[in-house]
Amino acid sequence: CDSLALLNGRGTISNGNEPNRSNTNNNGNTCNDGNSGNYHGDESIDQITVTAGDIESGTPVPSGDFIIEGGRAYVTVKLYCWSTGASDTADIYLTQDASSPDSGWQFLASIPCPGGGVQTITQAFDVLRGTNQSIRVNFRYNGSPSTCSSGSYDDHDDLIFTVKENPNLTPPPTPAPTQPPTPVPTPVPTPMPTDANDGPPPSPGGVASYDEVLGAPKCSFAPSCDSGILLNGRANINNGVEPNQPNTLNTCTDGPAGSYHSDESIDRIVVTRASGGDGDLTEGDEVTITATIWCWGTGSNDRIDFYYASDASNPVWTQIGPRKTCPGGGAQTMTASFTLPPGSLQAVRANLMYGSSDAGVNKCVTGSYDDTDDLVISVKPNTASIASISEAAVRPSKHDDVQGAIEFSAKDAEADFLMKELHELNTGGVKPDDGSDGGKGKGKKGKGK
């Protein structure tokens, strides 16, 4: 169970308003976040994940199974720690009944920040009895362990997760100790390995895993595909190092200048079927690309291009519609829609740039503040279309040679027409980039700060 970006930020702090704050269970007492400070300058809880498995020799080891009563699981918390982190501590609690949380919070650990800036901590626990449980993280500046501290820099977030019932479980497990043990910093978890041949296992929510062979996040078959936190940040910028950078199929290089969530970055890409539904993404589906980005200043100098490629292993990029300008500064959401062409492993790309750069042959932008990110999606064949083509191809005729040639010629012409229509639909009439700028000179503008 992964909160993704739903907990990112704290209260109403500058540049980091937390969505749906305070994200603590409404069935319990109100627990408001502190509103002092700035996003990623001061404390915040940005993500909580609960995974079935255990921690062995300091390394999280997922079981690959359901979170089940009486089993083991671990919580992973992504934090932003102020300065060196020495004054910040995360208290972690568990309740077996999310419908009445305040009556049953059980203390798991108090873990000091292992350093300043973006940090990740983990804590394993015994899964209690109950099908609707909750984790709470109380992140505080100084102070003592609490389920709801009141400091002006403190953040409190809950994650409710479903637990599989264990029919063989009789008495509930012994509750965790109520006194905090001596806190021990937990190392950053090692990312889950990706199978180079098969890619990540299917995920009900279509959350991507990093594919080392392709060099970008990849989803298996699902109704949607979400990069999660795998694209968050840009290059090696201050406080926003992008995981597995540059996350592009043809090794475009991101610009290294600026700071996280002050200057430009692509933080997340999601591909969804426009009509909704539970079926896996399929050739011929109209889909929408949604990019969560950070725009500098007022956003008026930042622009984004969207592309798709029908073959992620050998991408030839087609632009989707015209270039777009950020509608404002800070966190923004930009979208583009297109129809999935034939191809079992496709990709989408977003280019975020300062100014108006030429993307070139490989559709990479190269400015110091520019970010290019790809997301690979698995696409099922459109069996209805295949059956229709197969039926027409084997239709008998008493003049097989002549009639066959006529049918082939007609079908070839029809296919060309349909492919042209599909290209026009997806590009919005944008012609393929021939590398020219129409004779207009392009000057580079420095970014004054």
Foldseek 3Di string as FASTA:
>chain_A
DKPQQQFWAFPQEALTHHHPPPADQPLEDDFHAAHDDHHQQAKGWGMKDKAFAFADPLATDGPPDFAAAQGKIKMKTKMAAHAFQQQKKKWKWKAQDSNRRVVGTATFAIAGANTHFIFMFMGMDGHWAHFKMKMKIKMDGHDDDDQHDDDNRIGMHMDIHGHHYDPPDDDIDDTDDRDHDDHDGGHDHDFDDADQPPGDDADAVQEWDQRPVQQATEGEWWQKHKPRQQFWAFPCAASTHHHSPPAHRVRFHTAHDDHHQQFKGWGMKMKHFPVDDTGTAAAFTKIKIKIWMAAHDFQQQKKKWKWKAQESNDGQTATFEDIGTFNTGRIDIDMGIAGRHDHFKMKMKMKMDGHDADCPRVRHGDDNRIGMHMYIYGHHYPVVVVVVVVCLQPDDDPPCVVVNVVSVVVVVVVVVVVVVVRSCNRHVNDDPDPPDPVPDDDDDDDDDD
